[in-house]
N, C-alpha and C. Protein backbone atom coordinates (compact mmCIF):
# COMPACT_ATOMS: atom_id res chain seq x y z
N MET A 1 -44.17 -92.21 -34.93
CA MET A 1 -42.89 -91.64 -35.28
C MET A 1 -43.07 -90.41 -36.16
N PHE A 2 -43.56 -90.60 -37.41
CA PHE A 2 -43.83 -89.48 -38.31
C PHE A 2 -45.32 -89.36 -38.52
N LYS A 3 -45.82 -88.12 -38.51
CA LYS A 3 -47.23 -87.89 -38.79
C LYS A 3 -47.41 -87.20 -40.13
N HIS A 4 -46.46 -86.35 -40.51
CA HIS A 4 -46.55 -85.61 -41.76
C HIS A 4 -45.19 -85.64 -42.46
N ILE A 5 -45.16 -86.26 -43.63
CA ILE A 5 -43.94 -86.34 -44.43
C ILE A 5 -44.14 -85.52 -45.69
N VAL A 6 -43.15 -84.70 -46.02
CA VAL A 6 -43.18 -83.87 -47.23
C VAL A 6 -42.12 -84.42 -48.19
N VAL A 7 -42.50 -84.57 -49.45
CA VAL A 7 -41.55 -84.98 -50.48
C VAL A 7 -41.81 -84.13 -51.72
N GLY A 8 -40.73 -83.75 -52.37
CA GLY A 8 -40.86 -82.94 -53.58
C GLY A 8 -40.73 -83.78 -54.83
N THR A 9 -41.37 -83.31 -55.89
CA THR A 9 -41.24 -83.96 -57.19
C THR A 9 -41.24 -82.92 -58.29
N ASP A 10 -40.51 -83.24 -59.35
CA ASP A 10 -40.58 -82.43 -60.56
C ASP A 10 -40.97 -83.31 -61.75
N GLY A 11 -41.37 -84.55 -61.42
CA GLY A 11 -41.77 -85.48 -62.46
C GLY A 11 -40.64 -86.31 -63.03
N SER A 12 -39.42 -86.08 -62.59
CA SER A 12 -38.27 -86.82 -63.11
C SER A 12 -38.17 -88.20 -62.47
N PRO A 13 -37.46 -89.12 -63.12
CA PRO A 13 -37.26 -90.45 -62.52
C PRO A 13 -36.56 -90.38 -61.16
N THR A 14 -35.60 -89.48 -61.00
CA THR A 14 -34.92 -89.38 -59.70
C THR A 14 -35.87 -88.87 -58.62
N ALA A 15 -36.76 -87.96 -58.97
CA ALA A 15 -37.74 -87.47 -58.00
C ALA A 15 -38.70 -88.59 -57.61
N LEU A 16 -39.09 -89.41 -58.58
CA LEU A 16 -39.98 -90.53 -58.26
C LEU A 16 -39.30 -91.54 -57.34
N HIS A 17 -37.98 -91.64 -57.43
CA HIS A 17 -37.26 -92.50 -56.49
C HIS A 17 -37.39 -91.95 -55.07
N ALA A 18 -37.27 -90.65 -54.91
CA ALA A 18 -37.45 -90.03 -53.58
C ALA A 18 -38.89 -90.22 -53.11
N VAL A 19 -39.85 -90.09 -54.02
CA VAL A 19 -41.26 -90.30 -53.67
C VAL A 19 -41.47 -91.73 -53.18
N THR A 20 -40.84 -92.69 -53.83
CA THR A 20 -40.95 -94.09 -53.42
C THR A 20 -40.43 -94.27 -51.99
N GLU A 21 -39.28 -93.70 -51.68
CA GLU A 21 -38.73 -93.80 -50.33
C GLU A 21 -39.66 -93.15 -49.30
N ALA A 22 -40.19 -91.98 -49.66
CA ALA A 22 -41.11 -91.29 -48.75
C ALA A 22 -42.39 -92.10 -48.56
N ALA A 23 -42.86 -92.72 -49.64
CA ALA A 23 -44.08 -93.54 -49.56
C ALA A 23 -43.87 -94.74 -48.65
N GLU A 24 -42.72 -95.38 -48.76
CA GLU A 24 -42.44 -96.53 -47.90
C GLU A 24 -42.41 -96.11 -46.43
N LEU A 25 -41.83 -94.95 -46.16
CA LEU A 25 -41.82 -94.44 -44.78
C LEU A 25 -43.22 -94.09 -44.31
N ALA A 26 -44.00 -93.46 -45.17
CA ALA A 26 -45.37 -93.09 -44.80
C ALA A 26 -46.21 -94.32 -44.51
N ARG A 27 -46.07 -95.33 -45.35
CA ARG A 27 -46.82 -96.57 -45.13
C ARG A 27 -46.41 -97.23 -43.81
N ALA A 28 -45.11 -97.28 -43.55
CA ALA A 28 -44.60 -97.95 -42.35
C ALA A 28 -44.99 -97.23 -41.07
N THR A 29 -45.14 -95.91 -41.13
CA THR A 29 -45.41 -95.12 -39.92
C THR A 29 -46.85 -94.64 -39.84
N GLY A 30 -47.62 -94.82 -40.91
CA GLY A 30 -49.00 -94.31 -40.92
C GLY A 30 -49.07 -92.81 -41.10
N ALA A 31 -48.02 -92.21 -41.63
CA ALA A 31 -47.97 -90.76 -41.81
C ALA A 31 -48.74 -90.32 -43.04
N ARG A 32 -49.20 -89.08 -43.02
CA ARG A 32 -49.78 -88.45 -44.21
C ARG A 32 -48.61 -88.05 -45.10
N LEU A 33 -48.72 -88.35 -46.39
CA LEU A 33 -47.69 -88.00 -47.35
C LEU A 33 -48.12 -86.75 -48.11
N ASN A 34 -47.32 -85.72 -48.02
CA ASN A 34 -47.58 -84.46 -48.70
C ASN A 34 -46.60 -84.35 -49.86
N ILE A 35 -47.13 -84.46 -51.07
CA ILE A 35 -46.29 -84.40 -52.26
C ILE A 35 -46.35 -82.98 -52.80
N VAL A 36 -45.17 -82.42 -53.04
CA VAL A 36 -45.07 -81.00 -53.40
C VAL A 36 -44.38 -80.86 -54.76
N CYS A 37 -44.92 -79.98 -55.58
CA CYS A 37 -44.29 -79.67 -56.86
C CYS A 37 -44.27 -78.15 -57.04
N ALA A 38 -43.09 -77.61 -57.17
CA ALA A 38 -42.94 -76.18 -57.45
C ALA A 38 -43.02 -75.97 -58.96
N TYR A 39 -43.52 -74.83 -59.36
CA TYR A 39 -43.63 -74.57 -60.79
C TYR A 39 -43.45 -73.10 -61.09
N GLU A 40 -43.04 -72.87 -62.32
CA GLU A 40 -43.09 -71.54 -62.91
C GLU A 40 -44.33 -71.57 -63.79
N PRO A 41 -45.13 -70.53 -63.78
CA PRO A 41 -46.37 -70.58 -64.54
C PRO A 41 -46.13 -70.79 -66.03
N VAL A 42 -47.07 -71.49 -66.66
CA VAL A 42 -47.03 -71.70 -68.10
C VAL A 42 -47.35 -70.35 -68.76
N PRO A 43 -46.59 -69.98 -69.79
CA PRO A 43 -46.86 -68.70 -70.46
C PRO A 43 -48.30 -68.62 -70.98
N GLU A 44 -48.88 -67.44 -70.88
CA GLU A 44 -50.26 -67.21 -71.34
C GLU A 44 -50.44 -67.61 -72.80
N SER A 45 -49.43 -67.36 -73.63
CA SER A 45 -49.55 -67.70 -75.05
C SER A 45 -49.73 -69.21 -75.24
N ARG A 46 -49.00 -69.99 -74.45
CA ARG A 46 -49.16 -71.45 -74.54
C ARG A 46 -50.54 -71.88 -74.05
N LEU A 47 -51.01 -71.26 -72.98
CA LEU A 47 -52.34 -71.60 -72.46
C LEU A 47 -53.43 -71.30 -73.49
N ARG A 48 -53.33 -70.14 -74.14
CA ARG A 48 -54.32 -69.77 -75.16
C ARG A 48 -54.29 -70.76 -76.33
N GLU A 49 -53.09 -71.11 -76.78
CA GLU A 49 -52.97 -72.05 -77.89
C GLU A 49 -53.53 -73.42 -77.52
N GLU A 50 -53.20 -73.91 -76.35
CA GLU A 50 -53.71 -75.21 -75.91
C GLU A 50 -55.23 -75.18 -75.78
N ALA A 51 -55.77 -74.07 -75.27
CA ALA A 51 -57.22 -73.96 -75.11
C ALA A 51 -57.92 -73.99 -76.47
N ARG A 52 -57.32 -73.35 -77.47
CA ARG A 52 -57.90 -73.34 -78.81
C ARG A 52 -57.91 -74.74 -79.42
N GLU A 53 -56.86 -75.51 -79.15
CA GLU A 53 -56.71 -76.83 -79.77
C GLU A 53 -57.39 -77.94 -78.97
N ALA A 54 -57.70 -77.69 -77.71
CA ALA A 54 -58.24 -78.75 -76.86
C ALA A 54 -59.74 -78.94 -77.09
N PRO A 55 -60.20 -80.18 -76.99
CA PRO A 55 -61.64 -80.42 -77.05
C PRO A 55 -62.33 -79.74 -75.87
N ASP A 56 -63.60 -79.40 -76.04
CA ASP A 56 -64.35 -78.69 -75.01
C ASP A 56 -64.33 -79.39 -73.65
N ASP A 57 -64.39 -80.71 -73.65
CA ASP A 57 -64.50 -81.43 -72.39
C ASP A 57 -63.20 -81.49 -71.58
N VAL A 58 -62.07 -81.05 -72.15
CA VAL A 58 -60.82 -81.06 -71.38
C VAL A 58 -60.23 -79.66 -71.19
N ARG A 59 -60.89 -78.65 -71.68
CA ARG A 59 -60.36 -77.29 -71.53
C ARG A 59 -60.18 -76.87 -70.08
N TRP A 60 -61.02 -77.42 -69.20
CA TRP A 60 -60.93 -77.05 -67.78
C TRP A 60 -59.59 -77.47 -67.18
N MET A 61 -58.90 -78.42 -67.80
CA MET A 61 -57.62 -78.91 -67.27
C MET A 61 -56.46 -77.98 -67.61
N ILE A 62 -56.66 -77.05 -68.50
CA ILE A 62 -55.58 -76.17 -68.94
C ILE A 62 -55.48 -75.02 -67.95
N ASN A 63 -54.34 -74.96 -67.27
CA ASN A 63 -54.12 -73.93 -66.24
C ASN A 63 -52.64 -73.64 -66.11
N PRO A 64 -52.26 -72.59 -65.38
CA PRO A 64 -50.85 -72.20 -65.27
C PRO A 64 -49.95 -73.24 -64.60
N HIS A 65 -50.53 -74.19 -63.87
CA HIS A 65 -49.69 -75.18 -63.20
C HIS A 65 -50.00 -76.60 -63.69
N GLU A 66 -50.41 -76.70 -64.95
CA GLU A 66 -50.79 -78.00 -65.48
C GLU A 66 -49.64 -79.01 -65.47
N ASP A 67 -48.41 -78.57 -65.74
CA ASP A 67 -47.27 -79.49 -65.72
C ASP A 67 -47.04 -80.02 -64.31
N ALA A 68 -47.20 -79.16 -63.31
CA ALA A 68 -47.05 -79.59 -61.92
C ALA A 68 -48.14 -80.58 -61.55
N ASP A 69 -49.35 -80.36 -62.04
CA ASP A 69 -50.44 -81.28 -61.75
C ASP A 69 -50.15 -82.68 -62.27
N VAL A 70 -49.55 -82.75 -63.46
CA VAL A 70 -49.20 -84.06 -64.04
C VAL A 70 -48.16 -84.75 -63.17
N ALA A 71 -47.12 -84.01 -62.76
CA ALA A 71 -46.07 -84.58 -61.91
C ALA A 71 -46.64 -85.04 -60.57
N LEU A 72 -47.56 -84.27 -60.01
CA LEU A 72 -48.18 -84.66 -58.74
C LEU A 72 -49.02 -85.92 -58.88
N ARG A 73 -49.78 -86.01 -59.97
CA ARG A 73 -50.60 -87.22 -60.18
C ARG A 73 -49.73 -88.47 -60.31
N GLU A 74 -48.63 -88.34 -61.06
CA GLU A 74 -47.72 -89.48 -61.22
C GLU A 74 -47.13 -89.89 -59.87
N ALA A 75 -46.72 -88.91 -59.08
CA ALA A 75 -46.13 -89.20 -57.77
C ALA A 75 -47.17 -89.81 -56.83
N ALA A 76 -48.39 -89.29 -56.85
CA ALA A 76 -49.45 -89.85 -56.00
C ALA A 76 -49.78 -91.27 -56.43
N ASP A 77 -49.79 -91.53 -57.72
CA ASP A 77 -50.02 -92.89 -58.20
C ASP A 77 -48.93 -93.83 -57.70
N ARG A 78 -47.69 -93.36 -57.74
CA ARG A 78 -46.57 -94.18 -57.25
C ARG A 78 -46.75 -94.47 -55.76
N ALA A 79 -47.09 -93.45 -54.98
CA ALA A 79 -47.28 -93.65 -53.55
C ALA A 79 -48.42 -94.63 -53.27
N THR A 80 -49.48 -94.53 -54.04
CA THR A 80 -50.62 -95.44 -53.88
C THR A 80 -50.20 -96.88 -54.17
N GLU A 81 -49.33 -97.06 -55.16
CA GLU A 81 -48.82 -98.40 -55.47
C GLU A 81 -48.11 -99.01 -54.26
N PHE A 82 -47.54 -98.17 -53.41
CA PHE A 82 -46.83 -98.64 -52.23
C PHE A 82 -47.73 -98.69 -51.00
N GLY A 83 -49.03 -98.53 -51.21
CA GLY A 83 -49.98 -98.72 -50.13
C GLY A 83 -50.29 -97.48 -49.31
N VAL A 84 -49.89 -96.32 -49.76
CA VAL A 84 -50.18 -95.08 -49.03
C VAL A 84 -51.55 -94.58 -49.48
N THR A 85 -52.42 -94.29 -48.51
CA THR A 85 -53.76 -93.82 -48.84
C THR A 85 -54.01 -92.39 -48.38
N ASP A 86 -53.21 -91.91 -47.45
CA ASP A 86 -53.38 -90.55 -46.91
C ASP A 86 -52.38 -89.63 -47.60
N ILE A 87 -52.82 -89.02 -48.71
CA ILE A 87 -51.93 -88.23 -49.57
C ILE A 87 -52.54 -86.86 -49.82
N ASP A 88 -51.73 -85.82 -49.66
CA ASP A 88 -52.11 -84.48 -50.08
C ASP A 88 -51.14 -84.03 -51.17
N GLN A 89 -51.65 -83.26 -52.12
CA GLN A 89 -50.82 -82.75 -53.21
C GLN A 89 -50.80 -81.24 -53.16
N HIS A 90 -49.61 -80.67 -53.37
CA HIS A 90 -49.43 -79.23 -53.30
C HIS A 90 -48.68 -78.74 -54.53
N ALA A 91 -49.34 -78.01 -55.42
CA ALA A 91 -48.69 -77.34 -56.54
C ALA A 91 -48.54 -75.88 -56.14
N ARG A 92 -47.30 -75.41 -56.10
CA ARG A 92 -47.05 -74.03 -55.67
C ARG A 92 -46.09 -73.34 -56.63
N GLN A 93 -46.37 -72.09 -56.90
CA GLN A 93 -45.47 -71.30 -57.72
C GLN A 93 -44.29 -70.87 -56.87
N GLY A 94 -43.10 -71.00 -57.43
CA GLY A 94 -41.89 -70.57 -56.73
C GLY A 94 -40.73 -71.51 -56.99
N GLU A 95 -39.62 -71.24 -56.31
CA GLU A 95 -38.46 -72.09 -56.49
C GLU A 95 -38.57 -73.29 -55.57
N PRO A 96 -38.08 -74.45 -56.00
CA PRO A 96 -38.35 -75.71 -55.31
C PRO A 96 -38.01 -75.74 -53.82
N ALA A 97 -36.84 -75.31 -53.43
CA ALA A 97 -36.47 -75.40 -52.01
C ALA A 97 -37.40 -74.55 -51.16
N GLY A 98 -37.68 -73.34 -51.59
CA GLY A 98 -38.56 -72.46 -50.83
C GLY A 98 -39.97 -73.01 -50.71
N VAL A 99 -40.47 -73.61 -51.79
CA VAL A 99 -41.81 -74.18 -51.77
C VAL A 99 -41.86 -75.37 -50.81
N LEU A 100 -40.86 -76.25 -50.86
CA LEU A 100 -40.81 -77.38 -49.93
C LEU A 100 -40.79 -76.91 -48.48
N LEU A 101 -39.96 -75.92 -48.20
CA LEU A 101 -39.86 -75.39 -46.84
C LEU A 101 -41.17 -74.74 -46.39
N ASP A 102 -41.81 -74.00 -47.27
CA ASP A 102 -43.08 -73.35 -46.93
C ASP A 102 -44.15 -74.38 -46.57
N VAL A 103 -44.28 -75.41 -47.41
CA VAL A 103 -45.29 -76.44 -47.14
C VAL A 103 -44.97 -77.16 -45.84
N ALA A 104 -43.71 -77.49 -45.63
CA ALA A 104 -43.32 -78.18 -44.40
C ALA A 104 -43.68 -77.37 -43.16
N GLU A 105 -43.44 -76.06 -43.20
CA GLU A 105 -43.79 -75.20 -42.07
C GLU A 105 -45.30 -75.12 -41.89
N GLU A 106 -46.03 -74.95 -42.98
CA GLU A 106 -47.49 -74.79 -42.91
C GLU A 106 -48.18 -76.01 -42.31
N ILE A 107 -47.71 -77.20 -42.64
CA ILE A 107 -48.40 -78.40 -42.18
C ILE A 107 -47.79 -78.99 -40.92
N GLY A 108 -46.70 -78.42 -40.44
CA GLY A 108 -46.03 -78.97 -39.26
C GLY A 108 -45.38 -80.31 -39.56
N ALA A 109 -44.64 -80.38 -40.66
CA ALA A 109 -44.01 -81.63 -41.08
C ALA A 109 -43.01 -82.13 -40.05
N ASP A 110 -42.92 -83.46 -39.97
CA ASP A 110 -41.92 -84.12 -39.14
C ASP A 110 -40.68 -84.47 -39.94
N LEU A 111 -40.85 -84.59 -41.27
CA LEU A 111 -39.76 -85.03 -42.13
C LEU A 111 -39.96 -84.48 -43.53
N ILE A 112 -38.85 -84.04 -44.14
CA ILE A 112 -38.82 -83.67 -45.55
C ILE A 112 -37.89 -84.67 -46.23
N VAL A 113 -38.37 -85.25 -47.34
CA VAL A 113 -37.56 -86.19 -48.11
C VAL A 113 -37.21 -85.51 -49.43
N VAL A 114 -35.91 -85.47 -49.74
CA VAL A 114 -35.44 -84.91 -51.00
C VAL A 114 -34.40 -85.86 -51.60
N GLY A 115 -34.28 -85.81 -52.90
CA GLY A 115 -33.25 -86.59 -53.58
C GLY A 115 -31.93 -85.85 -53.55
N ASN A 116 -30.84 -86.59 -53.77
CA ASN A 116 -29.51 -85.99 -53.72
C ASN A 116 -29.06 -85.42 -55.05
N LYS A 117 -29.87 -85.53 -56.07
CA LYS A 117 -29.46 -85.06 -57.39
C LYS A 117 -28.91 -83.64 -57.30
N GLY A 118 -27.77 -83.43 -57.93
CA GLY A 118 -27.15 -82.11 -57.90
C GLY A 118 -26.18 -81.93 -56.75
N MET A 119 -25.95 -82.98 -55.98
CA MET A 119 -25.04 -82.86 -54.84
C MET A 119 -23.73 -83.60 -55.07
N THR A 120 -23.27 -83.70 -56.31
CA THR A 120 -22.03 -84.40 -56.59
C THR A 120 -20.91 -83.40 -56.85
N GLY A 121 -19.69 -83.84 -56.64
CA GLY A 121 -18.53 -83.02 -56.93
C GLY A 121 -18.56 -81.68 -56.20
N ALA A 122 -17.98 -80.68 -56.86
CA ALA A 122 -17.91 -79.35 -56.25
C ALA A 122 -19.29 -78.72 -56.08
N ARG A 123 -20.27 -79.14 -56.87
CA ARG A 123 -21.61 -78.55 -56.80
C ARG A 123 -22.26 -78.77 -55.44
N ARG A 124 -21.86 -79.82 -54.73
CA ARG A 124 -22.49 -80.09 -53.44
C ARG A 124 -22.20 -78.99 -52.44
N PHE A 125 -21.22 -78.15 -52.72
CA PHE A 125 -20.89 -77.08 -51.80
C PHE A 125 -21.61 -75.77 -52.11
N LEU A 126 -22.35 -75.74 -53.20
CA LEU A 126 -23.09 -74.54 -53.56
C LEU A 126 -24.43 -74.51 -52.86
N LEU A 127 -24.81 -73.34 -52.36
CA LEU A 127 -26.09 -73.23 -51.68
C LEU A 127 -27.28 -73.26 -52.63
N GLY A 128 -27.00 -73.28 -53.92
CA GLY A 128 -28.09 -73.26 -54.88
C GLY A 128 -28.85 -74.56 -55.02
N SER A 129 -28.30 -75.66 -54.56
CA SER A 129 -28.99 -76.93 -54.76
C SER A 129 -30.14 -77.09 -53.78
N VAL A 130 -31.20 -77.73 -54.24
CA VAL A 130 -32.38 -77.93 -53.41
C VAL A 130 -32.04 -78.71 -52.13
N PRO A 131 -31.34 -79.84 -52.22
CA PRO A 131 -31.04 -80.58 -50.98
C PRO A 131 -30.25 -79.75 -49.97
N ASN A 132 -29.31 -78.97 -50.46
CA ASN A 132 -28.52 -78.14 -49.54
C ASN A 132 -29.38 -77.08 -48.88
N GLN A 133 -30.19 -76.39 -49.65
CA GLN A 133 -31.04 -75.35 -49.08
C GLN A 133 -32.01 -75.93 -48.07
N VAL A 134 -32.63 -77.04 -48.43
CA VAL A 134 -33.61 -77.66 -47.54
C VAL A 134 -32.94 -78.12 -46.25
N SER A 135 -31.78 -78.78 -46.38
CA SER A 135 -31.12 -79.31 -45.19
C SER A 135 -30.65 -78.20 -44.25
N HIS A 136 -30.35 -77.05 -44.78
CA HIS A 136 -29.88 -75.95 -43.93
C HIS A 136 -31.00 -75.12 -43.31
N HIS A 137 -32.20 -75.19 -43.88
CA HIS A 137 -33.27 -74.30 -43.42
C HIS A 137 -34.55 -75.02 -42.99
N ALA A 138 -34.53 -76.33 -42.96
CA ALA A 138 -35.75 -77.09 -42.67
C ALA A 138 -36.20 -76.93 -41.22
N PRO A 139 -37.52 -76.89 -41.02
CA PRO A 139 -38.08 -76.80 -39.68
C PRO A 139 -38.22 -78.17 -39.01
N CYS A 140 -37.68 -79.21 -39.67
CA CYS A 140 -37.84 -80.58 -39.18
C CYS A 140 -36.66 -81.41 -39.69
N SER A 141 -36.71 -82.69 -39.45
CA SER A 141 -35.67 -83.59 -39.95
C SER A 141 -35.75 -83.67 -41.47
N VAL A 142 -34.60 -84.01 -42.07
CA VAL A 142 -34.51 -84.12 -43.53
C VAL A 142 -33.84 -85.45 -43.87
N LEU A 143 -34.42 -86.16 -44.81
CA LEU A 143 -33.83 -87.38 -45.33
C LEU A 143 -33.43 -87.10 -46.77
N ILE A 144 -32.13 -87.22 -47.05
CA ILE A 144 -31.63 -87.03 -48.41
C ILE A 144 -31.41 -88.42 -48.99
N VAL A 145 -32.21 -88.75 -49.99
CA VAL A 145 -32.21 -90.08 -50.60
C VAL A 145 -31.22 -90.10 -51.76
N ARG A 146 -30.40 -91.12 -51.80
CA ARG A 146 -29.47 -91.27 -52.93
C ARG A 146 -30.29 -91.73 -54.13
N THR A 147 -30.42 -90.84 -55.11
CA THR A 147 -31.25 -91.12 -56.28
C THR A 147 -30.42 -91.23 -57.55
N THR A 148 -29.12 -91.01 -57.46
CA THR A 148 -28.27 -91.04 -58.66
C THR A 148 -27.30 -92.17 -58.60
């Protein structure tokens, strides 16, 4: 049914709920789970300060997408808890909807899973929300998970 599932995370509890749904689908179908996190780079001043304060053995972990890396690790751990073993992680600079769509196109995704956060009330009609943008421009099917 599905061979490649894409799910986005920002490290929030609602995003982890979407990751859980995507993981259950990946496990049930034997699909590869591609977990995606969009980021804005960490300011150079913060990187320099963290590098000065960090012990030598962990300085290599300090990079412009370190926050995204943490969110991806948490999401991958969650997926592993649900029995998914075929997982790819993608940290990309950019706005979330565009990053999700880019990864989905690059890997030939069959499904994109996103949470519904931000789709309540009048806001659901704005094109600015990630679920709305993804659902209107996706190269594949989209599952919008109720996370709120």
